[in-house]
Amino acid sequence: MAEGRSGTVMAAIGGVLVLVFSFCLLFSLIWLLLGGIFAVTFPIVFGLPVRDAQLDEEAVTCPGTLVAVEWTPDFQAGTEGTAMLTYRYDVDQKSYEEEIRVVESSPIAAQPLDSAVTVEYLPGSPGVSRLEGTKHSVAGWGGAAGLGIGGVALLLTIASALPLLLGLWLLFKGLRRRKQHEIQEAAGA
């Protein structure tokens, strides 16, 4: 009798694990998909490649000033660091302040604060600009956010898959044990 009951308990625990972690797995796969979509669509939605193409063709230049440099720590030893540069420039008596991320080896990253820089901007939209010799990063914050969401979702997927496999194992082992018990009882009766 105890053999049949233990099989039922194992099957019940396995069934609960399968149910709970199936939902967790589904949830994490949805987040994995959303992370990938976000990483791909962010640069397109915000038009970063289009801006650079427009600036390549139509940009005019003006003097500007480097007003802030914020260094970000390296993600891995031996990799190049990045800096967020804030620059200010004036067009038609209106002042603009923009930011651009550059890698450590970029010549512009070595400029001291308050140094003169050359700004490229679109004549019809002076707020669309970049520092001369730089490009907008397609993989910038959108790519990083998408990878971050995708990375967390991947961890959730792995974390959900392991208990799900355990639940399936318990479910089938419990059902098999219960079935063997029923066969033994039927043979003994």
N, C-alpha and C. Protein backbone atom coordinates (compact mmCIF):
# COMPACT_ATOMS: atom_id res chain seq x y z
N MET A 1 0.82 -1.20 0.00
CA MET A 1 0.00 0.00 0.00
C MET A 1 0.86 1.26 0.00
N ALA A 2 1.93 1.23 0.81
CA ALA A 2 2.81 2.41 0.89
C ALA A 2 3.50 2.66 -0.44
N GLU A 3 3.80 1.58 -1.16
CA GLU A 3 4.45 1.71 -2.46
C GLU A 3 3.56 2.48 -3.44
N GLY A 4 2.27 2.17 -3.45
CA GLY A 4 1.33 2.86 -4.34
C GLY A 4 1.14 4.30 -3.95
N ARG A 5 1.09 4.56 -2.64
CA ARG A 5 0.92 5.94 -2.15
C ARG A 5 2.15 6.79 -2.48
N SER A 6 3.35 6.22 -2.32
CA SER A 6 4.56 6.99 -2.63
C SER A 6 4.61 7.32 -4.12
N GLY A 7 4.14 6.39 -4.96
CA GLY A 7 4.08 6.67 -6.40
C GLY A 7 3.11 7.80 -6.71
N THR A 8 1.98 7.82 -6.01
CA THR A 8 0.99 8.88 -6.21
C THR A 8 1.55 10.22 -5.75
N VAL A 9 2.22 10.24 -4.61
CA VAL A 9 2.81 11.48 -4.10
C VAL A 9 3.89 11.99 -5.05
N MET A 10 4.76 11.06 -5.52
CA MET A 10 5.80 11.47 -6.48
C MET A 10 5.17 12.04 -7.74
N ALA A 11 4.14 11.40 -8.25
CA ALA A 11 3.48 11.87 -9.46
C ALA A 11 2.84 13.24 -9.23
N ALA A 12 2.25 13.45 -8.05
CA ALA A 12 1.61 14.73 -7.74
C ALA A 12 2.65 15.85 -7.65
N ILE A 13 3.75 15.57 -6.96
CA ILE A 13 4.82 16.57 -6.85
C ILE A 13 5.39 16.88 -8.24
N GLY A 14 5.63 15.83 -9.01
CA GLY A 14 6.13 16.02 -10.37
C GLY A 14 5.17 16.83 -11.21
N GLY A 15 3.87 16.53 -11.10
CA GLY A 15 2.87 17.27 -11.87
C GLY A 15 2.84 18.75 -11.50
N VAL A 16 2.94 19.06 -10.21
CA VAL A 16 2.97 20.46 -9.76
C VAL A 16 4.21 21.15 -10.30
N LEU A 17 5.38 20.49 -10.19
CA LEU A 17 6.61 21.08 -10.72
C LEU A 17 6.50 21.34 -12.23
N VAL A 18 5.97 20.38 -12.95
CA VAL A 18 5.80 20.55 -14.39
C VAL A 18 4.89 21.73 -14.70
N LEU A 19 3.78 21.83 -14.00
CA LEU A 19 2.84 22.92 -14.24
C LEU A 19 3.47 24.28 -13.94
N VAL A 20 4.06 24.41 -12.75
CA VAL A 20 4.63 25.69 -12.34
C VAL A 20 5.78 26.11 -13.25
N PHE A 21 6.71 25.19 -13.49
CA PHE A 21 7.89 25.57 -14.26
C PHE A 21 7.62 25.62 -15.76
N SER A 22 6.53 25.03 -16.22
CA SER A 22 6.14 25.24 -17.62
C SER A 22 5.74 26.70 -17.83
N PHE A 23 4.99 27.25 -16.86
CA PHE A 23 4.64 28.66 -16.96
C PHE A 23 5.87 29.55 -16.85
N CYS A 24 6.78 29.19 -15.95
CA CYS A 24 8.03 29.97 -15.83
C CYS A 24 8.83 29.92 -17.12
N LEU A 25 8.91 28.74 -17.72
CA LEU A 25 9.64 28.59 -18.98
C LEU A 25 8.98 29.40 -20.08
N LEU A 26 7.67 29.35 -20.16
CA LEU A 26 6.94 30.14 -21.16
C LEU A 26 7.19 31.63 -20.95
N PHE A 27 7.11 32.08 -19.70
CA PHE A 27 7.35 33.49 -19.36
C PHE A 27 8.77 33.91 -19.76
N SER A 28 9.76 33.08 -19.45
CA SER A 28 11.14 33.45 -19.78
C SER A 28 11.38 33.42 -21.28
N LEU A 29 10.75 32.52 -22.00
CA LEU A 29 10.91 32.50 -23.46
C LEU A 29 10.28 33.74 -24.10
N ILE A 30 9.17 34.19 -23.53
CA ILE A 30 8.56 35.44 -24.03
C ILE A 30 9.51 36.60 -23.80
N TRP A 31 10.14 36.67 -22.61
CA TRP A 31 11.10 37.74 -22.33
C TRP A 31 12.33 37.64 -23.23
N LEU A 32 12.76 36.42 -23.53
CA LEU A 32 13.88 36.22 -24.43
C LEU A 32 13.55 36.77 -25.81
N LEU A 33 12.35 36.50 -26.28
CA LEU A 33 11.89 37.02 -27.56
C LEU A 33 11.82 38.55 -27.53
N LEU A 34 11.24 39.12 -26.45
CA LEU A 34 11.14 40.57 -26.34
C LEU A 34 12.51 41.23 -26.30
N GLY A 35 13.46 40.62 -25.60
CA GLY A 35 14.82 41.16 -25.55
C GLY A 35 15.44 41.22 -26.93
N GLY A 36 15.27 40.17 -27.70
CA GLY A 36 15.79 40.15 -29.06
C GLY A 36 15.13 41.19 -29.95
N ILE A 37 13.82 41.30 -29.83
CA ILE A 37 13.09 42.31 -30.62
C ILE A 37 13.55 43.71 -30.25
N PHE A 38 13.70 43.98 -28.96
CA PHE A 38 14.12 45.30 -28.49
C PHE A 38 15.52 45.63 -29.00
N ALA A 39 16.44 44.66 -28.93
CA ALA A 39 17.81 44.90 -29.37
C ALA A 39 17.89 45.22 -30.85
N VAL A 40 17.02 44.60 -31.63
CA VAL A 40 17.04 44.81 -33.08
C VAL A 40 16.29 46.09 -33.48
N THR A 41 15.15 46.35 -32.84
CA THR A 41 14.32 47.46 -33.30
C THR A 41 14.70 48.81 -32.72
N PHE A 42 15.34 48.86 -31.55
CA PHE A 42 15.66 50.13 -30.92
C PHE A 42 16.45 51.07 -31.85
N PRO A 43 17.54 50.59 -32.44
CA PRO A 43 18.29 51.50 -33.32
C PRO A 43 17.48 51.93 -34.54
N ILE A 44 16.64 51.03 -35.03
CA ILE A 44 15.84 51.36 -36.22
C ILE A 44 14.79 52.41 -35.86
N VAL A 45 14.10 52.20 -34.73
CA VAL A 45 13.05 53.13 -34.31
C VAL A 45 13.62 54.52 -34.07
N PHE A 46 14.78 54.57 -33.42
CA PHE A 46 15.36 55.86 -33.12
C PHE A 46 16.23 56.39 -34.26
N GLY A 47 16.29 55.65 -35.34
CA GLY A 47 16.89 56.14 -36.57
C GLY A 47 18.37 56.43 -36.52
N LEU A 48 19.12 55.73 -35.70
CA LEU A 48 20.54 56.03 -35.59
C LEU A 48 21.29 55.83 -36.90
N PRO A 49 21.09 54.73 -37.63
CA PRO A 49 21.80 54.60 -38.91
C PRO A 49 21.37 55.67 -39.91
N VAL A 50 20.09 56.03 -39.86
CA VAL A 50 19.58 57.05 -40.78
C VAL A 50 20.21 58.40 -40.45
N ARG A 51 20.31 58.72 -39.16
CA ARG A 51 20.94 59.98 -38.75
C ARG A 51 22.36 60.08 -39.25
N ASP A 52 23.13 59.02 -39.09
CA ASP A 52 24.51 59.06 -39.55
C ASP A 52 24.58 59.23 -41.06
N ALA A 53 23.70 58.55 -41.79
CA ALA A 53 23.71 58.70 -43.25
C ALA A 53 23.36 60.13 -43.63
N GLN A 54 22.37 60.72 -42.95
CA GLN A 54 22.01 62.12 -43.23
C GLN A 54 23.17 63.05 -42.89
N LEU A 55 23.77 62.83 -41.73
CA LEU A 55 24.90 63.68 -41.34
C LEU A 55 26.07 63.53 -42.30
N ASP A 56 26.29 62.31 -42.79
CA ASP A 56 27.37 62.10 -43.77
C ASP A 56 27.14 62.93 -45.03
N GLU A 57 25.88 63.06 -45.44
CA GLU A 57 25.57 63.76 -46.69
C GLU A 57 25.33 65.26 -46.51
N GLU A 58 24.63 65.66 -45.44
CA GLU A 58 24.13 67.03 -45.35
C GLU A 58 24.75 67.88 -44.25
N ALA A 59 25.60 67.31 -43.43
CA ALA A 59 26.06 68.03 -42.23
C ALA A 59 26.85 69.29 -42.57
N VAL A 60 26.63 70.28 -41.75
CA VAL A 60 27.48 71.47 -41.74
C VAL A 60 28.18 71.47 -40.38
N THR A 61 29.26 72.19 -40.30
CA THR A 61 30.03 72.17 -39.05
C THR A 61 29.98 73.52 -38.36
N CYS A 62 30.20 73.46 -37.07
CA CYS A 62 30.31 74.67 -36.27
C CYS A 62 31.23 74.37 -35.08
N PRO A 63 31.75 75.40 -34.46
CA PRO A 63 32.59 75.16 -33.28
C PRO A 63 31.72 74.79 -32.07
N GLY A 64 32.27 73.98 -31.21
CA GLY A 64 31.60 73.60 -29.99
C GLY A 64 32.60 73.48 -28.86
N THR A 65 32.09 73.15 -27.69
CA THR A 65 32.94 73.02 -26.51
C THR A 65 32.61 71.71 -25.81
N LEU A 66 33.64 70.99 -25.40
CA LEU A 66 33.46 69.78 -24.62
C LEU A 66 33.21 70.18 -23.18
N VAL A 67 32.01 69.87 -22.66
CA VAL A 67 31.65 70.36 -21.32
C VAL A 67 31.65 69.26 -20.24
N ALA A 68 31.64 68.00 -20.62
CA ALA A 68 31.66 66.93 -19.62
C ALA A 68 32.17 65.64 -20.24
N VAL A 69 32.88 64.87 -19.44
CA VAL A 69 33.34 63.55 -19.84
C VAL A 69 33.05 62.60 -18.69
N GLU A 70 32.27 61.57 -18.96
CA GLU A 70 31.95 60.58 -17.93
C GLU A 70 32.43 59.22 -18.42
N TRP A 71 33.43 58.69 -17.72
CA TRP A 71 34.00 57.39 -18.09
C TRP A 71 33.15 56.27 -17.50
N THR A 72 32.95 55.23 -18.29
CA THR A 72 32.24 54.05 -17.79
C THR A 72 33.27 52.96 -17.57
N PRO A 73 33.08 52.15 -16.52
CA PRO A 73 34.08 51.10 -16.24
C PRO A 73 34.05 50.03 -17.31
N ASP A 74 35.20 49.39 -17.49
CA ASP A 74 35.29 48.28 -18.44
C ASP A 74 34.42 47.13 -17.96
N PHE A 75 33.79 46.43 -18.90
CA PHE A 75 33.00 45.28 -18.54
C PHE A 75 33.90 44.07 -18.29
N GLN A 76 35.03 43.99 -19.01
CA GLN A 76 35.97 42.88 -18.84
C GLN A 76 37.38 43.45 -18.84
N ALA A 77 38.24 42.80 -18.10
CA ALA A 77 39.63 43.23 -18.10
C ALA A 77 40.20 43.06 -19.51
N GLY A 78 40.97 44.01 -19.93
CA GLY A 78 41.58 43.94 -21.26
C GLY A 78 40.73 44.52 -22.37
N THR A 79 39.51 44.93 -22.06
CA THR A 79 38.68 45.54 -23.10
C THR A 79 38.79 47.06 -22.99
N GLU A 80 38.42 47.70 -24.04
CA GLU A 80 38.53 49.14 -24.11
C GLU A 80 37.37 49.81 -23.37
N GLY A 81 37.67 50.83 -22.58
CA GLY A 81 36.64 51.58 -21.88
C GLY A 81 35.93 52.55 -22.81
N THR A 82 34.82 53.09 -22.34
CA THR A 82 34.08 54.07 -23.12
C THR A 82 33.84 55.31 -22.28
N ALA A 83 33.57 56.41 -22.98
CA ALA A 83 33.28 57.66 -22.29
C ALA A 83 32.05 58.29 -22.92
N MET A 84 31.23 58.91 -22.09
CA MET A 84 30.09 59.68 -22.57
C MET A 84 30.55 61.14 -22.59
N LEU A 85 30.63 61.70 -23.77
CA LEU A 85 31.06 63.09 -23.93
C LEU A 85 29.85 63.99 -24.08
N THR A 86 29.82 65.07 -23.34
CA THR A 86 28.77 66.08 -23.49
C THR A 86 29.41 67.30 -24.11
N TYR A 87 28.78 67.77 -25.18
CA TYR A 87 29.33 68.94 -25.87
C TYR A 87 28.22 69.96 -26.08
N ARG A 88 28.64 71.22 -26.19
CA ARG A 88 27.71 72.33 -26.36
C ARG A 88 28.12 73.10 -27.61
N TYR A 89 27.11 73.57 -28.34
CA TYR A 89 27.36 74.36 -29.54
C TYR A 89 26.18 75.30 -29.77
N ASP A 90 26.40 76.34 -30.54
CA ASP A 90 25.37 77.34 -30.83
C ASP A 90 25.10 77.38 -32.32
N VAL A 91 23.81 77.41 -32.67
CA VAL A 91 23.37 77.56 -34.06
C VAL A 91 22.25 78.59 -34.06
N ASP A 92 22.39 79.62 -34.86
CA ASP A 92 21.38 80.68 -34.97
C ASP A 92 20.99 81.23 -33.59
N GLN A 93 21.95 81.55 -32.80
CA GLN A 93 21.80 82.12 -31.46
C GLN A 93 21.00 81.24 -30.49
N LYS A 94 20.96 79.95 -30.80
CA LYS A 94 20.33 79.00 -29.88
C LYS A 94 21.39 77.99 -29.46
N SER A 95 21.44 77.70 -28.16
CA SER A 95 22.45 76.80 -27.62
C SER A 95 21.91 75.37 -27.56
N TYR A 96 22.74 74.42 -27.93
CA TYR A 96 22.39 72.99 -27.90
C TYR A 96 23.43 72.26 -27.06
N GLU A 97 22.97 71.23 -26.35
CA GLU A 97 23.88 70.38 -25.59
C GLU A 97 23.51 68.94 -25.88
N GLU A 98 24.47 68.18 -26.36
CA GLU A 98 24.23 66.79 -26.77
C GLU A 98 25.29 65.88 -26.15
N GLU A 99 25.02 64.57 -26.20
CA GLU A 99 25.95 63.58 -25.70
C GLU A 99 26.26 62.56 -26.78
N ILE A 100 27.44 62.01 -26.72
CA ILE A 100 27.82 60.91 -27.61
C ILE A 100 28.79 60.02 -26.88
N ARG A 101 28.66 58.72 -27.08
CA ARG A 101 29.54 57.74 -26.45
C ARG A 101 30.69 57.43 -27.42
N VAL A 102 31.90 57.43 -26.89
CA VAL A 102 33.08 57.11 -27.71
C VAL A 102 33.94 56.09 -26.97
N VAL A 103 34.76 55.37 -27.72
CA VAL A 103 35.68 54.41 -27.11
C VAL A 103 36.94 55.13 -26.66
N GLU A 104 37.63 54.50 -25.75
CA GLU A 104 38.81 55.08 -25.11
C GLU A 104 39.89 55.47 -26.12
N SER A 105 40.04 54.67 -27.19
CA SER A 105 41.11 54.93 -28.16
C SER A 105 40.78 56.06 -29.13
N SER A 106 39.55 56.55 -29.11
CA SER A 106 39.16 57.64 -30.00
C SER A 106 39.95 58.90 -29.63
N PRO A 107 40.49 59.60 -30.62
CA PRO A 107 41.26 60.80 -30.32
C PRO A 107 40.44 61.85 -29.55
N ILE A 108 39.16 61.92 -29.80
CA ILE A 108 38.32 62.91 -29.14
C ILE A 108 38.20 62.62 -27.64
N ALA A 109 38.36 61.33 -27.23
CA ALA A 109 38.25 60.97 -25.82
C ALA A 109 39.39 61.55 -24.98
N ALA A 110 40.49 61.87 -25.61
CA ALA A 110 41.65 62.40 -24.89
C ALA A 110 41.58 63.91 -24.70
N GLN A 111 40.57 64.56 -25.27
CA GLN A 111 40.45 66.02 -25.17
C GLN A 111 40.14 66.43 -23.73
N PRO A 112 40.77 67.49 -23.25
CA PRO A 112 40.44 67.99 -21.90
C PRO A 112 39.10 68.74 -21.92
N LEU A 113 38.52 68.88 -20.74
CA LEU A 113 37.27 69.65 -20.62
C LEU A 113 37.49 71.07 -21.11
N ASP A 114 36.43 71.67 -21.60
CA ASP A 114 36.42 73.03 -22.14
C ASP A 114 37.29 73.19 -23.38
N SER A 115 37.67 72.08 -24.00
CA SER A 115 38.44 72.21 -25.25
C SER A 115 37.48 72.42 -26.42
N ALA A 116 38.00 73.02 -27.45
CA ALA A 116 37.21 73.29 -28.66
C ALA A 116 37.07 71.99 -29.45
N VAL A 117 35.85 71.74 -29.92
CA VAL A 117 35.57 70.58 -30.76
C VAL A 117 34.78 71.05 -31.99
N THR A 118 34.80 70.24 -33.02
CA THR A 118 34.01 70.55 -34.21
C THR A 118 32.76 69.69 -34.19
N VAL A 119 31.61 70.35 -34.33
CA VAL A 119 30.31 69.67 -34.29
C VAL A 119 29.74 69.63 -35.69
N GLU A 120 29.24 68.46 -36.09
CA GLU A 120 28.50 68.31 -37.35
C GLU A 120 27.02 68.26 -37.00
N TYR A 121 26.20 69.03 -37.69
CA TYR A 121 24.76 69.02 -37.41
C TYR A 121 23.99 69.16 -38.72
N LEU A 122 22.70 68.81 -38.65
CA LEU A 122 21.84 68.94 -39.83
C LEU A 122 21.30 70.37 -39.88
N PRO A 123 21.42 71.04 -41.01
CA PRO A 123 20.97 72.44 -41.09
C PRO A 123 19.49 72.62 -40.75
N GLY A 124 18.64 71.71 -41.15
CA GLY A 124 17.21 71.84 -40.86
C GLY A 124 16.84 71.38 -39.46
N SER A 125 17.71 70.64 -38.82
CA SER A 125 17.49 70.10 -37.46
C SER A 125 18.79 70.19 -36.68
N PRO A 126 19.12 71.36 -36.19
CA PRO A 126 20.41 71.53 -35.52
C PRO A 126 20.59 70.67 -34.26
N GLY A 127 19.50 70.16 -33.71
CA GLY A 127 19.61 69.29 -32.54
C GLY A 127 20.13 67.90 -32.89
N VAL A 128 20.13 67.55 -34.18
CA VAL A 128 20.68 66.27 -34.63
C VAL A 128 22.14 66.53 -34.97
N SER A 129 23.02 65.99 -34.13
CA SER A 129 24.44 66.31 -34.30
C SER A 129 25.32 65.17 -33.84
N ARG A 130 26.59 65.35 -34.09
CA ARG A 130 27.64 64.46 -33.59
C ARG A 130 28.95 65.22 -33.64
N LEU A 131 29.92 64.72 -32.93
CA LEU A 131 31.24 65.32 -33.01
C LEU A 131 31.91 64.84 -34.28
N GLU A 132 32.66 65.72 -34.91
CA GLU A 132 33.34 65.37 -36.14
C GLU A 132 34.24 64.15 -35.91
N GLY A 133 34.14 63.20 -36.82
CA GLY A 133 34.94 61.99 -36.71
C GLY A 133 34.31 60.88 -35.89
N THR A 134 33.06 61.07 -35.43
CA THR A 134 32.39 60.03 -34.65
C THR A 134 31.14 59.57 -35.39
N LYS A 135 30.57 58.47 -34.94
CA LYS A 135 29.32 57.93 -35.47
C LYS A 135 28.44 57.57 -34.30
N HIS A 136 27.12 57.55 -34.53
CA HIS A 136 26.20 57.07 -33.50
C HIS A 136 26.28 55.56 -33.47
N SER A 137 26.30 54.98 -32.30
CA SER A 137 26.41 53.53 -32.14
C SER A 137 25.05 52.88 -32.33
N VAL A 138 24.99 51.94 -33.24
CA VAL A 138 23.76 51.19 -33.47
C VAL A 138 23.49 50.27 -32.28
N ALA A 139 24.54 49.80 -31.64
CA ALA A 139 24.37 48.85 -30.55
C ALA A 139 24.25 49.54 -29.20
N GLY A 140 24.24 50.84 -29.14
CA GLY A 140 24.23 51.61 -27.90
C GLY A 140 23.31 51.09 -26.82
N TRP A 141 22.51 51.96 -26.24
CA TRP A 141 21.66 51.59 -25.11
C TRP A 141 20.61 50.56 -25.48
N GLY A 142 20.06 50.67 -26.68
CA GLY A 142 19.03 49.70 -27.08
C GLY A 142 19.58 48.30 -27.18
N GLY A 143 20.76 48.19 -27.79
CA GLY A 143 21.40 46.88 -27.88
C GLY A 143 21.75 46.34 -26.51
N ALA A 144 22.27 47.21 -25.67
CA ALA A 144 22.64 46.79 -24.31
C ALA A 144 21.41 46.37 -23.53
N ALA A 145 20.33 47.13 -23.64
CA ALA A 145 19.10 46.77 -22.93
C ALA A 145 18.54 45.46 -23.46
N GLY A 146 18.55 45.32 -24.77
CA GLY A 146 18.05 44.08 -25.36
C GLY A 146 18.87 42.89 -24.93
N LEU A 147 20.20 43.04 -24.91
CA LEU A 147 21.06 41.96 -24.46
C LEU A 147 20.84 41.68 -22.98
N GLY A 148 20.63 42.73 -22.20
CA GLY A 148 20.38 42.55 -20.77
C GLY A 148 19.09 41.80 -20.52
N ILE A 149 18.03 42.21 -21.21
CA ILE A 149 16.74 41.52 -21.08
C ILE A 149 16.88 40.08 -21.56
N GLY A 150 17.56 39.91 -22.70
CA GLY A 150 17.76 38.57 -23.23
C GLY A 150 18.60 37.70 -22.31
N GLY A 151 19.64 38.30 -21.70
CA GLY A 151 20.49 37.55 -20.78
C GLY A 151 19.73 37.09 -19.55
N VAL A 152 18.94 37.97 -18.97
CA VAL A 152 18.13 37.60 -17.81
C VAL A 152 17.11 36.52 -18.21
N ALA A 153 16.52 36.69 -19.37
CA ALA A 153 15.54 35.70 -19.83
C ALA A 153 16.21 34.35 -20.08
N LEU A 154 17.43 34.37 -20.58
CA LEU A 154 18.15 33.12 -20.80
C LEU A 154 18.42 32.42 -19.47
N LEU A 155 18.82 33.20 -18.46
CA LEU A 155 19.03 32.62 -17.13
C LEU A 155 17.72 32.06 -16.57
N LEU A 156 16.62 32.80 -16.77
CA LEU A 156 15.31 32.29 -16.31
C LEU A 156 14.92 31.02 -17.05
N THR A 157 15.24 30.97 -18.34
CA THR A 157 14.92 29.78 -19.13
C THR A 157 15.67 28.58 -18.60
N ILE A 158 16.96 28.75 -18.36
CA ILE A 158 17.77 27.64 -17.83
C ILE A 158 17.28 27.26 -16.43
N ALA A 159 17.04 28.30 -15.61
CA ALA A 159 16.58 28.04 -14.24
C ALA A 159 15.21 27.36 -14.23
N SER A 160 14.38 27.62 -15.22
CA SER A 160 13.06 26.99 -15.30
C SER A 160 13.14 25.59 -15.89
N ALA A 161 14.07 25.38 -16.79
CA ALA A 161 14.15 24.09 -17.48
C ALA A 161 14.61 22.98 -16.54
N LEU A 162 15.53 23.28 -15.64
CA LEU A 162 16.04 22.24 -14.75
C LEU A 162 14.96 21.69 -13.81
N PRO A 163 14.21 22.54 -13.08
CA PRO A 163 13.13 21.99 -12.25
C PRO A 163 12.02 21.35 -13.09
N LEU A 164 11.83 21.86 -14.30
CA LEU A 164 10.83 21.26 -15.18
C LEU A 164 11.22 19.82 -15.52
N LEU A 165 12.50 19.59 -15.82
CA LEU A 165 12.97 18.24 -16.11
C LEU A 165 12.86 17.35 -14.87
N LEU A 166 13.18 17.91 -13.70
CA LEU A 166 13.02 17.17 -12.45
C LEU A 166 11.55 16.79 -12.24
N GLY A 167 10.66 17.75 -12.50
CA GLY A 167 9.23 17.49 -12.36
C GLY A 167 8.75 16.40 -13.30
N LEU A 168 9.22 16.43 -14.54
CA LEU A 168 8.84 15.38 -15.50
C LEU A 168 9.35 14.02 -15.03
N TRP A 169 10.58 13.99 -14.54
CA TRP A 169 11.16 12.74 -14.06
C TRP A 169 10.34 12.19 -12.89
N LEU A 170 10.02 13.07 -11.91
CA LEU A 170 9.21 12.63 -10.76
C LEU A 170 7.83 12.17 -11.19
N LEU A 171 7.22 12.90 -12.13
CA LEU A 171 5.89 12.54 -12.60
C LEU A 171 5.88 11.15 -13.21
N PHE A 172 6.79 10.90 -14.15
CA PHE A 172 6.80 9.62 -14.83
C PHE A 172 7.27 8.48 -13.92
N LYS A 173 8.23 8.76 -13.05
CA LYS A 173 8.68 7.74 -12.10
C LYS A 173 7.55 7.39 -11.13
N GLY A 174 6.84 8.40 -10.64
CA GLY A 174 5.71 8.15 -9.73
C GLY A 174 4.59 7.39 -10.41
N LEU A 175 4.27 7.77 -11.64
CA LEU A 175 3.22 7.05 -12.37
C LEU A 175 3.62 5.60 -12.64
N ARG A 176 4.89 5.40 -12.97
CA ARG A 176 5.36 4.04 -13.24
C ARG A 176 5.32 3.20 -11.95
N ARG A 177 5.74 3.82 -10.83
CA ARG A 177 5.72 3.11 -9.55
C ARG A 177 4.29 2.74 -9.17
N ARG A 178 3.35 3.69 -9.38
CA ARG A 178 1.95 3.42 -9.04
C ARG A 178 1.39 2.31 -9.93
N LYS A 179 1.73 2.36 -11.23
CA LYS A 179 1.24 1.34 -12.18
C LYS A 179 1.80 -0.03 -11.80
N GLN A 180 3.10 -0.10 -11.42
CA GLN A 180 3.69 -1.36 -11.00
C GLN A 180 3.00 -1.90 -9.75
N HIS A 181 2.66 -1.00 -8.82
CA HIS A 181 1.96 -1.40 -7.61
C HIS A 181 0.59 -1.96 -7.94
N GLU A 182 -0.11 -1.31 -8.86
CA GLU A 182 -1.45 -1.79 -9.26
C GLU A 182 -1.36 -3.16 -9.91
N ILE A 183 -0.32 -3.36 -10.72
CA ILE A 183 -0.14 -4.66 -11.39
C ILE A 183 0.15 -5.73 -10.34
N GLN A 184 0.98 -5.41 -9.36
CA GLN A 184 1.32 -6.35 -8.30
C GLN A 184 0.09 -6.70 -7.47
N GLU A 185 -0.74 -5.70 -7.18
CA GLU A 185 -1.96 -5.95 -6.41
C GLU A 185 -2.93 -6.80 -7.20
N ALA A 186 -3.04 -6.51 -8.52
CA ALA A 186 -3.96 -7.30 -9.35
C ALA A 186 -3.47 -8.76 -9.46
N ALA A 187 -2.17 -8.95 -9.54
CA ALA A 187 -1.62 -10.29 -9.65
C ALA A 187 -1.76 -11.05 -8.35
N GLY A 188 -1.70 -10.35 -7.22
CA GLY A 188 -1.81 -10.97 -5.91
C GLY A 188 -3.25 -11.26 -5.52
N ALA A 189 -4.22 -10.61 -6.16
CA ALA A 189 -5.63 -10.78 -5.76
C ALA A 189 -6.28 -11.96 -6.41
